[in-house]
Amino acid sequence: MKKLLILSSIILFAACKSQQGSMKSPTQKNEAFAYELVVQSTLHDIEKNAFEPGLYKFSDKANWDKFLQKMQLANEENAKFKLDKIDFEKEMIVAIFDKILSHGGVKFYIDRVENTPDAIKFITAHQSPQGQMSIQVMNQPYIIVKIKKTNKRLVLVNK
């Protein structure tokens, strides 16, 4: 009889617990967002040709071409791009520039991209070299990705 009472209590407790979980208030859903990596690299010797840290979006060929010209001046970076033809009717380019660093070896990367109802959030992070000496050099890490064209706000979040 005692075992039956304990078993009934456990089942009742579990049922109440599962009911509580289903009564949670709705939360804003963050879905993963697909992107294609074009290049993840670093500009060197950038005293004259640095970019303001932040997120840049290119949804037309004219602005993209202007950007490519500036990248070419910086370090002939365009040779590193893994990019086929861009269909600006369906796609856009997002470039993310980190702050200027005085030492090398830091990996700047996209941790994840979240698709919220009102924005696409690019969450970036850094990984410092572990147990290695880093060289003293002015540099600016950057990432360029291709995404489907969107009218949502593009937001940069640094972790």
N, C-alpha and C. Protein backbone atom coordinates (compact mmCIF):
# COMPACT_ATOMS: atom_id res chain seq x y z
N MET A 1 0.82 -1.19 0.00
CA MET A 1 0.00 0.00 0.00
C MET A 1 0.87 1.26 0.00
N LYS A 2 1.94 1.21 0.83
CA LYS A 2 2.84 2.34 0.91
C LYS A 2 3.51 2.60 -0.46
N LYS A 3 3.93 1.51 -1.12
CA LYS A 3 4.56 1.64 -2.44
C LYS A 3 3.60 2.25 -3.45
N LEU A 4 2.33 1.85 -3.38
CA LEU A 4 1.33 2.38 -4.30
C LEU A 4 1.12 3.87 -4.07
N LEU A 5 1.12 4.29 -2.83
CA LEU A 5 0.94 5.70 -2.48
C LEU A 5 2.14 6.52 -2.97
N ILE A 6 3.35 5.99 -2.78
CA ILE A 6 4.56 6.69 -3.23
C ILE A 6 4.57 6.78 -4.75
N LEU A 7 4.23 5.69 -5.42
CA LEU A 7 4.21 5.67 -6.88
C LEU A 7 3.17 6.66 -7.41
N SER A 8 2.01 6.72 -6.79
CA SER A 8 0.96 7.67 -7.19
C SER A 8 1.42 9.11 -7.01
N SER A 9 2.12 9.37 -5.91
CA SER A 9 2.63 10.71 -5.65
C SER A 9 3.65 11.13 -6.70
N ILE A 10 4.52 10.20 -7.07
CA ILE A 10 5.54 10.50 -8.08
C ILE A 10 4.88 10.79 -9.42
N ILE A 11 3.91 10.01 -9.81
CA ILE A 11 3.21 10.22 -11.08
C ILE A 11 2.48 11.55 -11.05
N LEU A 12 1.81 11.88 -9.96
CA LEU A 12 1.08 13.15 -9.84
C LEU A 12 2.05 14.32 -9.91
N PHE A 13 3.19 14.20 -9.22
CA PHE A 13 4.20 15.26 -9.24
C PHE A 13 4.75 15.47 -10.65
N ALA A 14 5.04 14.37 -11.35
CA ALA A 14 5.55 14.45 -12.73
C ALA A 14 4.52 15.08 -13.65
N ALA A 15 3.25 14.75 -13.47
CA ALA A 15 2.19 15.32 -14.31
C ALA A 15 2.08 16.82 -14.07
N CYS A 16 2.15 17.23 -12.81
CA CYS A 16 2.09 18.67 -12.50
C CYS A 16 3.29 19.40 -13.08
N LYS A 17 4.47 18.78 -12.99
CA LYS A 17 5.69 19.38 -13.52
C LYS A 17 5.59 19.58 -15.02
N SER A 18 5.05 18.59 -15.76
CA SER A 18 4.94 18.70 -17.21
C SER A 18 3.89 19.74 -17.59
N GLN A 19 2.88 19.91 -16.80
CA GLN A 19 1.86 20.94 -17.04
C GLN A 19 2.48 22.32 -16.87
N GLN A 20 3.35 22.49 -15.85
CA GLN A 20 4.00 23.77 -15.64
C GLN A 20 4.83 24.15 -16.85
N GLY A 21 5.56 23.18 -17.41
CA GLY A 21 6.40 23.46 -18.57
C GLY A 21 5.60 23.90 -19.76
N SER A 22 4.38 23.37 -19.92
CA SER A 22 3.59 23.74 -21.09
C SER A 22 2.87 25.07 -20.90
N MET A 23 2.90 25.63 -19.69
CA MET A 23 2.20 26.89 -19.43
C MET A 23 3.14 28.08 -19.48
N LYS A 24 4.39 27.86 -19.93
CA LYS A 24 5.34 28.96 -20.01
C LYS A 24 4.85 30.01 -20.99
N SER A 25 5.22 31.25 -20.73
CA SER A 25 4.84 32.31 -21.65
C SER A 25 5.62 32.18 -22.94
N PRO A 26 5.03 32.58 -24.06
CA PRO A 26 5.74 32.45 -25.34
C PRO A 26 6.98 33.34 -25.35
N THR A 27 8.06 32.83 -25.93
CA THR A 27 9.28 33.60 -26.03
C THR A 27 9.57 33.89 -27.50
N GLN A 28 10.41 34.90 -27.72
CA GLN A 28 10.78 35.25 -29.08
C GLN A 28 11.66 34.13 -29.63
N LYS A 29 11.32 33.63 -30.78
CA LYS A 29 12.04 32.50 -31.35
C LYS A 29 13.26 33.00 -32.14
N ASN A 30 14.41 32.40 -31.87
CA ASN A 30 15.63 32.67 -32.61
C ASN A 30 15.96 31.44 -33.42
N GLU A 31 15.90 31.56 -34.72
CA GLU A 31 16.22 30.45 -35.60
C GLU A 31 17.60 30.66 -36.20
N ALA A 32 18.28 29.59 -36.48
CA ALA A 32 19.57 29.69 -37.15
C ALA A 32 19.35 30.27 -38.54
N PHE A 33 20.33 30.97 -39.04
CA PHE A 33 20.23 31.63 -40.33
C PHE A 33 21.42 31.18 -41.18
N ALA A 34 21.13 30.70 -42.37
CA ALA A 34 22.18 30.17 -43.25
C ALA A 34 22.95 31.30 -43.93
N TYR A 35 24.26 31.10 -44.04
CA TYR A 35 25.11 32.04 -44.76
C TYR A 35 26.24 31.27 -45.41
N GLU A 36 26.84 31.88 -46.41
CA GLU A 36 27.98 31.28 -47.10
C GLU A 36 29.21 32.14 -46.83
N LEU A 37 30.24 31.53 -46.27
CA LEU A 37 31.47 32.25 -45.97
C LEU A 37 32.21 32.57 -47.27
N VAL A 38 32.49 33.84 -47.48
CA VAL A 38 33.25 34.28 -48.65
C VAL A 38 34.73 34.33 -48.29
N VAL A 39 35.04 34.97 -47.17
CA VAL A 39 36.43 35.05 -46.70
C VAL A 39 36.43 35.41 -45.22
N GLN A 40 37.42 34.86 -44.53
CA GLN A 40 37.68 35.19 -43.13
C GLN A 40 39.17 35.43 -43.07
N SER A 41 39.58 36.69 -42.88
CA SER A 41 40.99 37.02 -43.01
C SER A 41 41.32 38.24 -42.15
N THR A 42 42.48 38.80 -42.42
CA THR A 42 42.96 39.96 -41.67
C THR A 42 43.66 40.92 -42.61
N LEU A 43 43.35 42.20 -42.46
CA LEU A 43 44.08 43.24 -43.19
C LEU A 43 45.34 43.56 -42.39
N HIS A 44 46.47 43.74 -43.09
CA HIS A 44 47.74 44.08 -42.44
C HIS A 44 48.21 45.43 -42.94
N ASP A 45 49.08 46.08 -42.18
CA ASP A 45 49.62 47.39 -42.57
C ASP A 45 48.50 48.32 -42.99
N ILE A 46 47.59 48.58 -42.11
CA ILE A 46 46.34 49.24 -42.47
C ILE A 46 46.23 50.69 -42.03
N GLU A 47 47.31 51.33 -41.71
CA GLU A 47 47.23 52.69 -41.19
C GLU A 47 46.37 53.60 -42.07
N LYS A 48 46.50 53.48 -43.39
CA LYS A 48 45.75 54.36 -44.30
C LYS A 48 44.44 53.76 -44.77
N ASN A 49 44.33 52.45 -44.78
CA ASN A 49 43.20 51.81 -45.43
C ASN A 49 42.31 51.00 -44.48
N ALA A 50 42.29 51.36 -43.23
CA ALA A 50 41.46 50.62 -42.27
C ALA A 50 39.97 50.93 -42.52
N PHE A 51 39.14 50.03 -42.09
CA PHE A 51 37.69 50.22 -42.14
C PHE A 51 37.20 50.50 -40.74
N GLU A 52 36.14 51.28 -40.64
CA GLU A 52 35.51 51.47 -39.33
C GLU A 52 34.99 50.12 -38.87
N PRO A 53 35.23 49.76 -37.61
CA PRO A 53 34.69 48.49 -37.11
C PRO A 53 33.16 48.48 -37.22
N GLY A 54 32.61 47.37 -37.62
CA GLY A 54 31.16 47.26 -37.73
C GLY A 54 30.72 46.36 -38.86
N LEU A 55 29.44 46.44 -39.14
CA LEU A 55 28.81 45.59 -40.15
C LEU A 55 28.44 46.44 -41.36
N TYR A 56 28.79 45.97 -42.53
CA TYR A 56 28.47 46.64 -43.79
C TYR A 56 27.64 45.69 -44.64
N LYS A 57 26.58 46.21 -45.26
CA LYS A 57 25.80 45.35 -46.14
C LYS A 57 25.83 45.92 -47.55
N PHE A 58 25.85 44.99 -48.51
CA PHE A 58 25.91 45.36 -49.92
C PHE A 58 24.81 44.62 -50.65
N SER A 59 23.83 45.38 -51.11
CA SER A 59 22.69 44.76 -51.79
C SER A 59 22.60 45.18 -53.25
N ASP A 60 23.65 45.85 -53.75
CA ASP A 60 23.69 46.19 -55.17
C ASP A 60 25.13 46.17 -55.68
N LYS A 61 25.27 45.98 -56.96
CA LYS A 61 26.59 45.81 -57.56
C LYS A 61 27.46 47.07 -57.46
N ALA A 62 26.88 48.24 -57.60
CA ALA A 62 27.67 49.48 -57.57
C ALA A 62 28.38 49.66 -56.23
N ASN A 63 27.67 49.50 -55.15
CA ASN A 63 28.30 49.65 -53.82
C ASN A 63 29.29 48.53 -53.54
N TRP A 64 28.97 47.32 -53.98
CA TRP A 64 29.89 46.21 -53.81
C TRP A 64 31.20 46.48 -54.54
N ASP A 65 31.13 46.99 -55.78
CA ASP A 65 32.33 47.29 -56.56
C ASP A 65 33.18 48.37 -55.89
N LYS A 66 32.55 49.39 -55.31
CA LYS A 66 33.30 50.43 -54.57
C LYS A 66 34.03 49.82 -53.39
N PHE A 67 33.34 48.95 -52.68
CA PHE A 67 33.95 48.28 -51.54
C PHE A 67 35.15 47.44 -51.99
N LEU A 68 34.99 46.69 -53.08
CA LEU A 68 36.09 45.86 -53.59
C LEU A 68 37.31 46.70 -53.95
N GLN A 69 37.09 47.89 -54.50
CA GLN A 69 38.20 48.78 -54.83
C GLN A 69 38.98 49.17 -53.57
N LYS A 70 38.25 49.49 -52.50
CA LYS A 70 38.92 49.85 -51.25
C LYS A 70 39.65 48.65 -50.66
N MET A 71 39.06 47.46 -50.75
CA MET A 71 39.72 46.25 -50.26
C MET A 71 41.01 45.99 -51.05
N GLN A 72 40.97 46.25 -52.34
CA GLN A 72 42.14 46.04 -53.19
C GLN A 72 43.26 46.98 -52.77
N LEU A 73 42.91 48.21 -52.43
CA LEU A 73 43.91 49.17 -51.97
C LEU A 73 44.52 48.73 -50.64
N ALA A 74 43.71 48.13 -49.81
CA ALA A 74 44.18 47.75 -48.48
C ALA A 74 45.28 46.70 -48.56
N ASN A 75 45.04 45.60 -49.20
CA ASN A 75 46.02 44.51 -49.22
C ASN A 75 45.85 43.58 -50.41
N GLU A 76 45.23 44.01 -51.44
CA GLU A 76 44.91 43.10 -52.54
C GLU A 76 44.19 41.87 -52.00
N GLU A 77 43.24 42.13 -51.15
CA GLU A 77 42.49 41.08 -50.45
C GLU A 77 41.55 40.32 -51.38
N ASN A 78 41.12 40.93 -52.45
CA ASN A 78 40.11 40.31 -53.30
C ASN A 78 40.53 38.94 -53.82
N ALA A 79 41.83 38.71 -53.90
CA ALA A 79 42.32 37.41 -54.38
C ALA A 79 41.95 36.28 -53.42
N LYS A 80 41.65 36.61 -52.17
CA LYS A 80 41.30 35.59 -51.17
C LYS A 80 39.83 35.20 -51.21
N PHE A 81 39.01 36.00 -51.90
CA PHE A 81 37.57 35.77 -51.89
C PHE A 81 37.19 34.50 -52.63
N LYS A 82 36.35 33.70 -52.01
CA LYS A 82 35.79 32.51 -52.66
C LYS A 82 34.36 32.84 -53.04
N LEU A 83 34.21 33.52 -54.15
CA LEU A 83 32.90 34.04 -54.49
C LEU A 83 32.63 33.92 -55.98
N ASP A 84 31.54 33.25 -56.28
CA ASP A 84 31.09 33.21 -57.65
C ASP A 84 30.26 34.46 -57.91
N LYS A 85 29.58 34.49 -59.02
CA LYS A 85 28.74 35.63 -59.36
C LYS A 85 27.66 35.82 -58.28
N ILE A 86 27.38 37.07 -57.98
CA ILE A 86 26.36 37.41 -56.98
C ILE A 86 25.10 37.86 -57.71
N ASP A 87 23.99 37.26 -57.38
CA ASP A 87 22.70 37.67 -57.92
C ASP A 87 22.07 38.65 -56.92
N PHE A 88 22.29 39.94 -57.13
CA PHE A 88 21.84 40.94 -56.18
C PHE A 88 20.31 41.06 -56.12
N GLU A 89 19.61 40.37 -57.00
CA GLU A 89 18.15 40.31 -56.89
C GLU A 89 17.74 39.39 -55.74
N LYS A 90 18.56 38.36 -55.47
CA LYS A 90 18.23 37.35 -54.46
C LYS A 90 19.20 37.29 -53.30
N GLU A 91 20.40 37.87 -53.47
CA GLU A 91 21.45 37.74 -52.46
C GLU A 91 22.03 39.09 -52.09
N MET A 92 22.72 39.11 -50.97
CA MET A 92 23.46 40.29 -50.55
C MET A 92 24.73 39.85 -49.84
N ILE A 93 25.65 40.79 -49.70
CA ILE A 93 26.92 40.51 -49.04
C ILE A 93 26.96 41.28 -47.72
N VAL A 94 27.49 40.62 -46.71
CA VAL A 94 27.67 41.25 -45.40
C VAL A 94 29.15 41.17 -45.06
N ALA A 95 29.75 42.33 -44.76
CA ALA A 95 31.14 42.39 -44.34
C ALA A 95 31.18 42.87 -42.89
N ILE A 96 31.92 42.17 -42.07
CA ILE A 96 32.04 42.51 -40.65
C ILE A 96 33.51 42.77 -40.36
N PHE A 97 33.80 43.98 -39.88
CA PHE A 97 35.17 44.36 -39.55
C PHE A 97 35.32 44.52 -38.05
N ASP A 98 36.36 43.92 -37.53
CA ASP A 98 36.68 44.01 -36.12
C ASP A 98 37.46 45.31 -35.89
N LYS A 99 37.71 45.61 -34.64
CA LYS A 99 38.54 46.78 -34.31
C LYS A 99 39.98 46.50 -34.74
N ILE A 100 40.76 47.54 -34.86
CA ILE A 100 42.17 47.40 -35.20
C ILE A 100 42.90 46.85 -33.99
N LEU A 101 43.71 45.83 -34.22
CA LEU A 101 44.46 45.19 -33.15
C LEU A 101 45.95 45.50 -33.32
N SER A 102 46.67 45.50 -32.21
CA SER A 102 48.11 45.78 -32.28
C SER A 102 48.95 44.51 -32.24
N HIS A 103 48.28 43.36 -32.24
CA HIS A 103 49.00 42.08 -32.21
C HIS A 103 48.27 41.07 -33.07
N GLY A 104 49.00 40.11 -33.55
CA GLY A 104 48.43 39.10 -34.43
C GLY A 104 48.01 37.86 -33.67
N GLY A 105 47.49 36.89 -34.42
CA GLY A 105 47.15 35.60 -33.85
C GLY A 105 45.74 35.47 -33.32
N VAL A 106 44.96 36.54 -33.31
CA VAL A 106 43.60 36.48 -32.80
C VAL A 106 42.68 35.98 -33.90
N LYS A 107 41.87 34.98 -33.58
CA LYS A 107 40.89 34.48 -34.54
C LYS A 107 39.57 35.21 -34.29
N PHE A 108 39.08 35.87 -35.31
CA PHE A 108 37.79 36.58 -35.27
C PHE A 108 36.84 35.76 -36.11
N TYR A 109 35.69 35.37 -35.54
CA TYR A 109 34.80 34.48 -36.26
C TYR A 109 33.34 34.74 -35.90
N ILE A 110 32.45 34.22 -36.75
CA ILE A 110 31.02 34.29 -36.48
C ILE A 110 30.68 33.09 -35.62
N ASP A 111 30.23 33.36 -34.41
CA ASP A 111 29.84 32.29 -33.49
C ASP A 111 28.52 31.67 -33.94
N ARG A 112 27.58 32.54 -34.32
CA ARG A 112 26.29 32.08 -34.84
C ARG A 112 25.56 33.26 -35.46
N VAL A 113 24.55 32.94 -36.26
CA VAL A 113 23.68 33.96 -36.85
C VAL A 113 22.25 33.58 -36.48
N GLU A 114 21.54 34.51 -35.86
CA GLU A 114 20.18 34.26 -35.42
C GLU A 114 19.19 35.04 -36.27
N ASN A 115 18.11 34.39 -36.61
CA ASN A 115 17.04 34.99 -37.39
C ASN A 115 15.87 35.23 -36.43
N THR A 116 15.69 36.48 -36.01
CA THR A 116 14.59 36.83 -35.12
C THR A 116 13.49 37.46 -35.96
N PRO A 117 12.31 37.67 -35.41
CA PRO A 117 11.23 38.26 -36.20
C PRO A 117 11.55 39.64 -36.79
N ASP A 118 12.42 40.41 -36.13
CA ASP A 118 12.67 41.76 -36.63
C ASP A 118 14.11 42.01 -37.10
N ALA A 119 15.02 41.04 -36.93
CA ALA A 119 16.41 41.29 -37.30
C ALA A 119 17.16 39.98 -37.54
N ILE A 120 18.27 40.12 -38.25
CA ILE A 120 19.24 39.05 -38.40
C ILE A 120 20.43 39.48 -37.53
N LYS A 121 20.77 38.65 -36.54
CA LYS A 121 21.84 38.99 -35.60
C LYS A 121 23.08 38.16 -35.90
N PHE A 122 24.18 38.86 -36.18
CA PHE A 122 25.47 38.22 -36.39
C PHE A 122 26.24 38.32 -35.07
N ILE A 123 26.43 37.19 -34.42
CA ILE A 123 27.13 37.16 -33.14
C ILE A 123 28.57 36.72 -33.42
N THR A 124 29.51 37.63 -33.15
CA THR A 124 30.92 37.35 -33.42
C THR A 124 31.66 37.10 -32.11
N ALA A 125 32.80 36.45 -32.22
CA ALA A 125 33.63 36.16 -31.05
C ALA A 125 35.09 36.18 -31.45
N HIS A 126 35.94 36.16 -30.44
CA HIS A 126 37.39 36.15 -30.62
C HIS A 126 37.98 34.94 -29.91
N GLN A 127 39.06 34.45 -30.48
CA GLN A 127 39.83 33.40 -29.81
C GLN A 127 41.28 33.83 -29.85
N SER A 128 41.85 34.07 -28.68
CA SER A 128 43.25 34.48 -28.58
C SER A 128 44.14 33.25 -28.64
N PRO A 129 45.36 33.45 -29.13
CA PRO A 129 46.28 32.31 -29.18
C PRO A 129 46.61 31.83 -27.77
N GLN A 130 46.56 30.55 -27.55
CA GLN A 130 46.85 29.96 -26.25
C GLN A 130 48.29 29.48 -26.21
N GLY A 131 49.03 29.99 -25.26
CA GLY A 131 50.39 29.51 -25.07
C GLY A 131 51.36 29.89 -26.16
N GLN A 132 50.98 30.82 -27.01
CA GLN A 132 51.88 31.25 -28.09
C GLN A 132 52.18 32.73 -27.91
N MET A 133 53.33 33.11 -28.37
CA MET A 133 53.64 34.54 -28.37
C MET A 133 52.99 35.14 -29.60
N SER A 134 52.34 36.27 -29.44
CA SER A 134 51.75 36.92 -30.60
C SER A 134 52.68 38.02 -31.08
N ILE A 135 52.67 38.22 -32.39
CA ILE A 135 53.55 39.22 -32.97
C ILE A 135 52.91 40.60 -32.87
N GLN A 136 53.73 41.61 -32.77
CA GLN A 136 53.26 42.98 -32.72
C GLN A 136 53.10 43.49 -34.15
N VAL A 137 51.88 43.63 -34.59
CA VAL A 137 51.61 44.11 -35.94
C VAL A 137 50.21 44.71 -35.96
N MET A 138 50.06 45.83 -36.59
CA MET A 138 48.75 46.46 -36.73
C MET A 138 47.95 45.65 -37.75
N ASN A 139 46.77 45.20 -37.35
CA ASN A 139 45.96 44.41 -38.25
C ASN A 139 44.48 44.57 -37.91
N GLN A 140 43.64 44.20 -38.85
CA GLN A 140 42.19 44.31 -38.66
C GLN A 140 41.51 43.05 -39.21
N PRO A 141 41.05 42.18 -38.31
CA PRO A 141 40.34 40.98 -38.75
C PRO A 141 39.00 41.35 -39.40
N TYR A 142 38.59 40.53 -40.35
CA TYR A 142 37.29 40.76 -41.00
C TYR A 142 36.73 39.44 -41.50
N ILE A 143 35.42 39.47 -41.74
CA ILE A 143 34.68 38.32 -42.26
C ILE A 143 33.71 38.85 -43.31
N ILE A 144 33.60 38.15 -44.43
CA ILE A 144 32.62 38.50 -45.45
C ILE A 144 31.80 37.25 -45.75
N VAL A 145 30.47 37.42 -45.73
CA VAL A 145 29.56 36.32 -46.00
C VAL A 145 28.52 36.73 -47.03
N LYS A 146 27.93 35.73 -47.67
CA LYS A 146 26.82 35.95 -48.61
C LYS A 146 25.58 35.36 -47.97
N ILE A 147 24.48 36.14 -48.02
CA ILE A 147 23.21 35.68 -47.45
C ILE A 147 22.09 35.93 -48.46
N LYS A 148 20.94 35.33 -48.18
CA LYS A 148 19.76 35.63 -48.99
C LYS A 148 19.34 37.08 -48.70
N LYS A 149 18.86 37.75 -49.72
CA LYS A 149 18.44 39.14 -49.56
C LYS A 149 17.31 39.22 -48.53
N THR A 150 17.40 40.24 -47.68
CA THR A 150 16.40 40.44 -46.64
C THR A 150 16.18 41.93 -46.41
N ASN A 151 15.00 42.25 -45.93
CA ASN A 151 14.69 43.63 -45.54
C ASN A 151 14.81 43.82 -44.03
N LYS A 152 15.13 42.75 -43.31
CA LYS A 152 15.29 42.85 -41.87
C LYS A 152 16.54 43.65 -41.54
N ARG A 153 16.55 44.22 -40.33
CA ARG A 153 17.75 44.91 -39.84
C ARG A 153 18.85 43.88 -39.65
N LEU A 154 20.06 44.27 -39.96
CA LEU A 154 21.22 43.42 -39.71
C LEU A 154 21.93 43.99 -38.48
N VAL A 155 22.14 43.16 -37.48
CA VAL A 155 22.67 43.61 -36.21
C VAL A 155 23.96 42.84 -35.90
N LEU A 156 24.97 43.58 -35.44
CA LEU A 156 26.22 42.96 -35.04
C LEU A 156 26.27 42.91 -33.52
N VAL A 157 26.54 41.72 -32.98
CA VAL A 157 26.66 41.54 -31.53
C VAL A 157 28.03 40.90 -31.28
N ASN A 158 28.88 41.61 -30.55
CA ASN A 158 30.20 41.07 -30.20
C ASN A 158 30.10 40.37 -28.86
N LYS A 159 30.52 39.11 -28.83
CA LYS A 159 30.48 38.31 -27.60
C LYS A 159 31.57 38.72 -26.65
